[in-house]
Amino acid sequence: MTRRVEELAERARKYADVFRRSEAATRVSLIEPFLRLLGWNTEDPAQVRPEFPTQSGRPDYALLEKDGRPLIFVGAKPYGRQEDPAQYVSYCVSEGVGYFVATDGVQWEVYNTLAPKPLQEKLVTRWDILEDPPMEVLRKSFVIVRGVAERQESPRPPTLHVTLARASPSKFKPPFTAIFPDGQRYCVKKWNELLVSVVGWLIRTGRMTERQLPLRTPRSTKRYLAHTRPKHPAGHDFKQPKMVSGVYVETHFSAKGIKRMACFALREFGVNPEDVVLEAGL
């Protein structure tokens, strides 16, 4: 997912002049791909409807609920220009639509249109795919991810969508999906499955090899975290071994310990835990 954000940012830089001159190019090459990244099928009129008719005008896009009602209106402009949100907020209020998104494909702003506040205080979040780190873009854009919006839940990234490095086991509980930097997804029903999925991903992507094992736990000479056999240095057995891709993983840790060991294993093999996303639900 982060890689896809990076690709869109590179496209925005490379073809900036094209996007400044053409709203259509901005829509096709920047806005619609980003909506698809968030789960909206822009080719399915049951999900996304361009030029949606309302009593007050035609928003550039309507993102629809399952029953066909508009959930979010999107206003699009060529790169470098921004919508006047006041007009679109009036569209939303007249139609009972909860959110409005203003974008030029690079900068995105999300407004909670039904909040009883002045216009500028209706702003929920904003991001810039050229200026913000890709993971921050994904975190902020969670408010308009398809499915979250349909459940009409308030955007709360710490409890619904959070990086592994920032996850609090006391607040963010299984089941959840672990999403790795290359887009691979693993279902986690118990905390110890997170550690197994991390080790499995490191092995399957060629980062962890048998030659690099055993992997000791941090600051310890008495325990292994991963080994080709379920034995610690002194010869005693792993207390709670799980096998993945021919490697045994010691999972006898608290939820907090599992998170710490997962982050440790990633860093040991050159992966930033900030680049692994935990997404509530399976």
Protein backbone atom coordinates (compact mmCIF):
# COMPACT_ATOMS: atom_id res chain seq x y z
CA MET A 1 0.00 0.00 0.00
CA THR A 2 2.78 2.44 0.84
CA ARG A 3 4.47 1.52 -2.43
CA ARG A 4 1.32 2.45 -4.33
CA VAL A 5 1.23 5.86 -2.62
CA GLU A 6 4.88 6.35 -3.62
CA GLU A 7 4.04 5.46 -7.23
CA LEU A 8 1.22 8.03 -7.31
CA ALA A 9 3.53 10.66 -5.83
CA GLU A 10 6.16 9.94 -8.48
CA ARG A 11 3.50 10.19 -11.19
CA ALA A 12 2.35 13.54 -9.80
CA ARG A 13 5.92 14.87 -9.94
CA LYS A 14 6.67 13.51 -13.40
CA TYR A 15 3.49 14.74 -15.08
CA ALA A 16 2.78 17.83 -12.98
CA ASP A 17 2.41 20.05 -16.06
CA VAL A 18 -0.13 17.67 -17.59
CA PHE A 19 -2.19 17.55 -14.41
CA ARG A 20 -2.12 21.34 -14.00
CA ARG A 21 -3.67 21.73 -17.46
CA SER A 22 -6.21 18.92 -17.30
CA GLU A 23 -8.78 18.02 -14.69
CA ALA A 24 -9.62 14.88 -16.65
CA ALA A 25 -6.00 13.67 -16.50
CA THR A 26 -5.88 14.46 -12.80
CA ARG A 27 -9.01 12.42 -12.21
CA VAL A 28 -7.95 9.39 -14.24
CA SER A 29 -4.29 9.25 -13.18
CA LEU A 30 -4.33 10.47 -9.57
CA ILE A 31 -7.75 10.71 -7.96
CA GLU A 32 -9.38 7.52 -9.17
CA PRO A 33 -6.30 5.31 -8.49
CA PHE A 34 -6.16 6.67 -4.94
CA LEU A 35 -9.85 5.95 -4.40
CA ARG A 36 -9.26 2.41 -5.65
CA LEU A 37 -6.37 2.07 -3.20
CA LEU A 38 -8.87 2.86 -0.43
CA GLY A 39 -11.22 0.13 -1.62
CA TRP A 40 -13.58 2.07 -3.89
CA ASN A 41 -14.12 0.42 -7.29
CA THR A 42 -14.35 3.46 -9.55
CA GLU A 43 -15.62 1.31 -12.41
CA ASP A 44 -18.61 0.05 -10.41
CA PRO A 45 -21.56 2.48 -10.41
CA ALA A 46 -22.89 0.70 -7.33
CA GLN A 47 -19.89 2.13 -5.45
CA VAL A 48 -18.77 5.28 -7.28
CA ARG A 49 -20.95 7.57 -9.40
CA PRO A 50 -19.40 10.52 -11.29
CA GLU A 51 -21.43 13.72 -11.79
CA PHE A 52 -23.99 12.64 -9.22
CA PRO A 53 -27.22 14.68 -9.60
CA THR A 54 -28.48 16.63 -6.58
CA GLN A 55 -30.93 19.48 -6.12
CA SER A 56 -28.02 21.89 -5.62
CA GLY A 57 -25.65 20.72 -8.37
CA ARG A 58 -23.49 17.81 -9.49
CA PRO A 59 -20.57 16.71 -7.30
CA ASP A 60 -17.68 15.27 -9.33
CA TYR A 61 -18.03 11.92 -7.56
CA ALA A 62 -20.41 10.31 -5.09
CA LEU A 63 -19.13 7.38 -3.05
CA LEU A 64 -22.18 5.25 -2.33
CA GLU A 65 -23.46 3.11 0.50
CA LYS A 66 -24.63 -0.42 -0.22
CA ASP A 67 -28.21 0.78 -0.59
CA GLY A 68 -27.17 3.29 -3.25
CA ARG A 69 -27.38 6.42 -1.12
CA PRO A 70 -24.44 8.86 -1.34
CA LEU A 71 -22.13 8.62 1.64
CA ILE A 72 -19.29 10.92 0.53
CA PHE A 73 -19.13 13.60 -2.17
CA VAL A 74 -15.78 14.29 -3.85
CA GLY A 75 -14.88 17.56 -5.57
CA ALA A 76 -12.03 17.33 -8.10
CA LYS A 77 -9.82 20.04 -9.59
CA PRO A 78 -6.67 20.05 -11.75
CA TYR A 79 -3.43 19.78 -9.81
CA GLY A 80 -2.63 23.05 -8.10
CA ARG A 81 -6.24 24.21 -7.79
CA GLN A 82 -8.60 23.55 -4.92
CA GLU A 83 -12.37 23.38 -4.66
CA ASP A 84 -14.35 25.98 -2.73
CA PRO A 85 -15.67 23.68 0.01
CA ALA A 86 -18.58 25.97 0.89
CA GLN A 87 -20.51 25.06 -2.27
CA TYR A 88 -19.98 21.35 -1.83
CA VAL A 89 -20.79 21.41 1.85
CA SER A 90 -24.16 22.91 0.88
CA TYR A 91 -24.63 19.98 -1.54
CA CYS A 92 -23.88 17.57 1.28
CA VAL A 93 -26.17 19.24 3.79
CA SER A 94 -29.08 19.36 1.32
CA GLU A 95 -28.66 15.64 0.59
CA GLY A 96 -27.83 14.52 4.14
CA VAL A 97 -24.33 13.38 3.10
CA GLY A 98 -21.89 13.19 6.00
CA TYR A 99 -18.54 13.85 4.30
CA PHE A 100 -17.08 15.97 1.54
CA VAL A 101 -13.60 15.45 0.06
CA ALA A 102 -11.84 18.24 -1.86
CA THR A 103 -8.79 17.22 -3.90
CA ASP A 104 -6.49 18.11 -6.77
CA GLY A 105 -5.09 14.57 -6.72
CA VAL A 106 -2.15 15.59 -4.52
CA GLN A 107 -3.71 17.52 -1.65
CA TRP A 108 -6.78 16.00 -0.03
CA GLU A 109 -9.12 17.57 2.53
CA VAL A 110 -11.99 15.78 4.29
CA TYR A 111 -14.88 17.69 5.86
CA ASN A 112 -17.52 16.41 8.27
CA THR A 113 -20.34 18.33 6.65
CA LEU A 114 -23.03 17.61 9.24
CA ALA A 115 -20.95 18.75 12.24
CA PRO A 116 -22.64 21.82 13.81
CA LYS A 117 -19.53 23.99 13.42
CA PRO A 118 -18.23 26.80 11.22
CA LEU A 119 -16.89 25.62 7.85
CA GLN A 120 -13.17 25.56 8.70
CA GLU A 121 -13.89 23.65 11.91
CA LYS A 122 -15.62 20.96 9.86
CA LEU A 123 -12.24 19.92 8.47
CA VAL A 124 -11.50 16.39 9.72
CA THR A 125 -8.08 15.80 8.18
CA ARG A 126 -5.86 16.70 5.24
CA TRP A 127 -2.91 15.04 3.54
CA ASP A 128 -0.50 15.67 0.69
CA ILE A 129 0.93 12.70 -1.21
CA LEU A 130 4.05 14.70 -2.13
CA GLU A 131 4.79 16.06 1.34
CA ASP A 132 3.52 13.47 3.82
CA PRO A 133 5.18 10.07 4.38
CA PRO A 134 3.19 7.30 2.64
CA MET A 135 2.21 5.65 5.92
CA GLU A 136 0.93 8.98 7.23
CA VAL A 137 -1.11 9.40 4.04
CA LEU A 138 -2.71 6.00 4.61
CA ARG A 139 -3.34 6.70 8.27
CA LYS A 140 -5.07 10.00 7.56
CA SER A 141 -7.04 8.67 4.60
CA PHE A 142 -8.54 5.92 6.74
CA VAL A 143 -11.58 8.12 7.27
CA ILE A 144 -12.74 7.46 3.69
CA VAL A 145 -11.71 3.81 3.34
CA ARG A 146 -14.59 1.83 1.86
CA GLY A 147 -16.31 -0.20 4.59
CA VAL A 148 -15.25 2.02 7.47
CA ALA A 149 -17.31 4.89 6.16
CA GLU A 150 -20.20 2.55 5.39
CA ARG A 151 -20.32 1.51 9.04
CA GLN A 152 -20.52 5.24 9.82
CA GLU A 153 -17.81 4.97 12.44
CA SER A 154 -15.79 8.00 13.44
CA PRO A 155 -12.21 7.90 12.17
CA ARG A 156 -10.05 6.65 15.05
CA PRO A 157 -6.78 5.37 13.62
CA PRO A 158 -5.32 4.28 16.98
CA THR A 159 -8.13 1.75 17.47
CA LEU A 160 -9.03 0.85 13.90
CA HIS A 161 -5.93 1.27 11.78
CA VAL A 162 -2.48 1.69 13.29
CA THR A 163 1.13 0.89 12.53
CA LEU A 164 2.70 -2.01 14.41
CA ALA A 165 5.20 0.34 16.04
CA ARG A 166 2.37 2.42 17.54
CA ALA A 167 -0.08 -0.37 18.39
CA SER A 168 -1.04 -0.67 22.05
CA PRO A 169 -1.95 -4.29 22.88
CA SER A 170 -4.21 -3.06 25.69
CA LYS A 171 -6.29 -1.03 23.21
CA PHE A 172 -5.84 -2.69 19.82
CA LYS A 173 -6.96 -6.30 20.14
CA PRO A 174 -7.36 -9.24 17.75
CA PRO A 175 -8.84 -10.13 15.42
CA PHE A 176 -7.01 -7.87 12.99
CA THR A 177 -5.16 -8.03 9.68
CA ALA A 178 -1.42 -7.41 9.48
CA ILE A 179 -0.50 -5.66 6.23
CA PHE A 180 3.18 -5.81 5.27
CA PRO A 181 5.09 -3.27 3.12
CA ASP A 182 4.71 -5.35 -0.05
CA GLY A 183 0.94 -5.57 0.41
CA GLN A 184 0.82 -9.12 1.79
CA ARG A 185 -1.94 -9.55 4.36
CA TYR A 186 -2.13 -12.01 7.27
CA CYS A 187 -5.15 -12.69 9.48
CA VAL A 188 -4.30 -12.52 13.19
CA LYS A 189 -6.82 -14.04 15.61
CA LYS A 190 -4.47 -14.17 18.61
CA TRP A 191 -1.52 -11.96 19.47
CA ASN A 192 1.02 -14.80 19.16
CA GLU A 193 -0.10 -15.27 15.53
CA LEU A 194 1.29 -11.78 14.83
CA LEU A 195 4.81 -12.92 15.69
CA VAL A 196 4.39 -16.03 13.56
CA SER A 197 3.15 -13.94 10.62
CA VAL A 198 6.13 -11.57 10.94
CA VAL A 199 8.66 -14.43 10.94
CA GLY A 200 6.80 -16.14 8.09
CA TRP A 201 6.82 -12.98 6.01
CA LEU A 202 10.53 -12.39 6.66
CA ILE A 203 11.26 -15.93 5.48
CA ARG A 204 9.00 -15.82 2.43
CA THR A 205 10.47 -12.53 1.26
CA GLY A 206 14.02 -13.84 1.61
CA ARG A 207 15.02 -11.53 4.44
CA MET A 208 15.40 -14.27 7.06
CA THR A 209 17.33 -17.37 5.95
CA GLU A 210 18.39 -20.54 7.73
CA ARG A 211 21.99 -19.28 7.76
CA GLN A 212 20.90 -16.35 9.95
CA LEU A 213 19.33 -18.58 12.58
CA PRO A 214 19.04 -18.99 15.47
CA LEU A 215 17.66 -15.54 16.27
CA ARG A 216 18.10 -14.67 19.94
CA THR A 217 15.62 -12.54 21.86
CA PRO A 218 16.88 -9.00 22.51
CA ARG A 219 19.25 -8.55 25.44
CA SER A 220 19.17 -12.26 26.24
CA THR A 221 21.64 -15.13 25.85
CA LYS A 222 19.27 -17.72 27.28
CA ARG A 223 16.39 -17.72 24.81
CA TYR A 224 15.91 -17.98 21.09
CA LEU A 225 13.10 -16.26 19.27
CA ALA A 226 13.39 -18.35 16.10
CA HIS A 227 15.37 -21.51 15.36
CA THR A 228 15.36 -24.52 13.05
CA ARG A 229 14.60 -26.68 16.08
CA PRO A 230 12.48 -25.82 19.16
CA LYS A 231 15.41 -25.68 21.60
CA HIS A 232 16.89 -22.79 23.54
CA PRO A 233 20.69 -22.38 23.98
CA ALA A 234 20.84 -24.49 27.14
CA GLY A 235 18.89 -27.28 25.46
CA HIS A 236 15.48 -26.80 27.08
CA ASP A 237 12.39 -26.81 24.89
CA PHE A 238 10.50 -23.82 23.56
CA LYS A 239 7.51 -23.33 25.87
CA GLN A 240 5.06 -22.41 23.12
CA PRO A 241 6.57 -23.21 19.72
CA LYS A 242 4.83 -22.45 16.44
CA MET A 243 6.26 -23.61 13.14
CA VAL A 244 6.24 -21.49 10.00
CA SER A 245 8.13 -22.32 6.78
CA GLY A 246 10.26 -24.90 8.59
CA VAL A 247 11.26 -22.53 11.39
CA TYR A 248 10.13 -22.75 15.02
CA VAL A 249 9.01 -19.50 16.66
CA GLU A 250 8.88 -19.13 20.45
CA THR A 251 5.56 -17.42 21.20
CA HIS A 252 5.51 -17.74 25.00
CA PHE A 253 5.17 -13.98 25.63
CA SER A 254 2.50 -11.60 26.79
CA ALA A 255 0.67 -9.56 24.14
CA LYS A 256 3.02 -6.66 24.92
CA GLY A 257 5.99 -8.99 24.60
CA ILE A 258 4.73 -10.37 21.28
CA LYS A 259 4.51 -6.86 19.87
CA ARG A 260 8.01 -6.06 21.14
CA MET A 261 9.45 -9.25 19.66
CA ALA A 262 7.70 -8.67 16.33
CA CYS A 263 9.18 -5.16 16.10
CA PHE A 264 12.59 -6.51 17.10
CA ALA A 265 12.51 -9.23 14.42
CA LEU A 266 11.53 -6.74 11.72
CA ARG A 267 14.30 -4.31 12.66
CA GLU A 268 16.86 -7.11 12.78
CA PHE A 269 16.17 -7.74 9.09
CA GLY A 270 15.97 -4.13 7.95
CA VAL A 271 12.22 -3.49 8.09
CA ASN A 272 10.71 -0.49 9.89
CA PRO A 273 7.73 -1.54 12.09
CA GLU A 274 6.12 1.75 11.05
CA ASP A 275 5.69 0.17 7.61
CA VAL A 276 3.55 -2.70 8.93
CA VAL A 277 -0.10 -1.76 9.37
CA LEU A 278 -2.62 -3.43 11.66
CA GLU A 279 -6.19 -3.12 10.41
CA ALA A 280 -9.11 -3.98 12.69
CA GLY A 281 -11.14 -7.00 11.63
CA LEU A 282 -10.27 -9.82 9.23
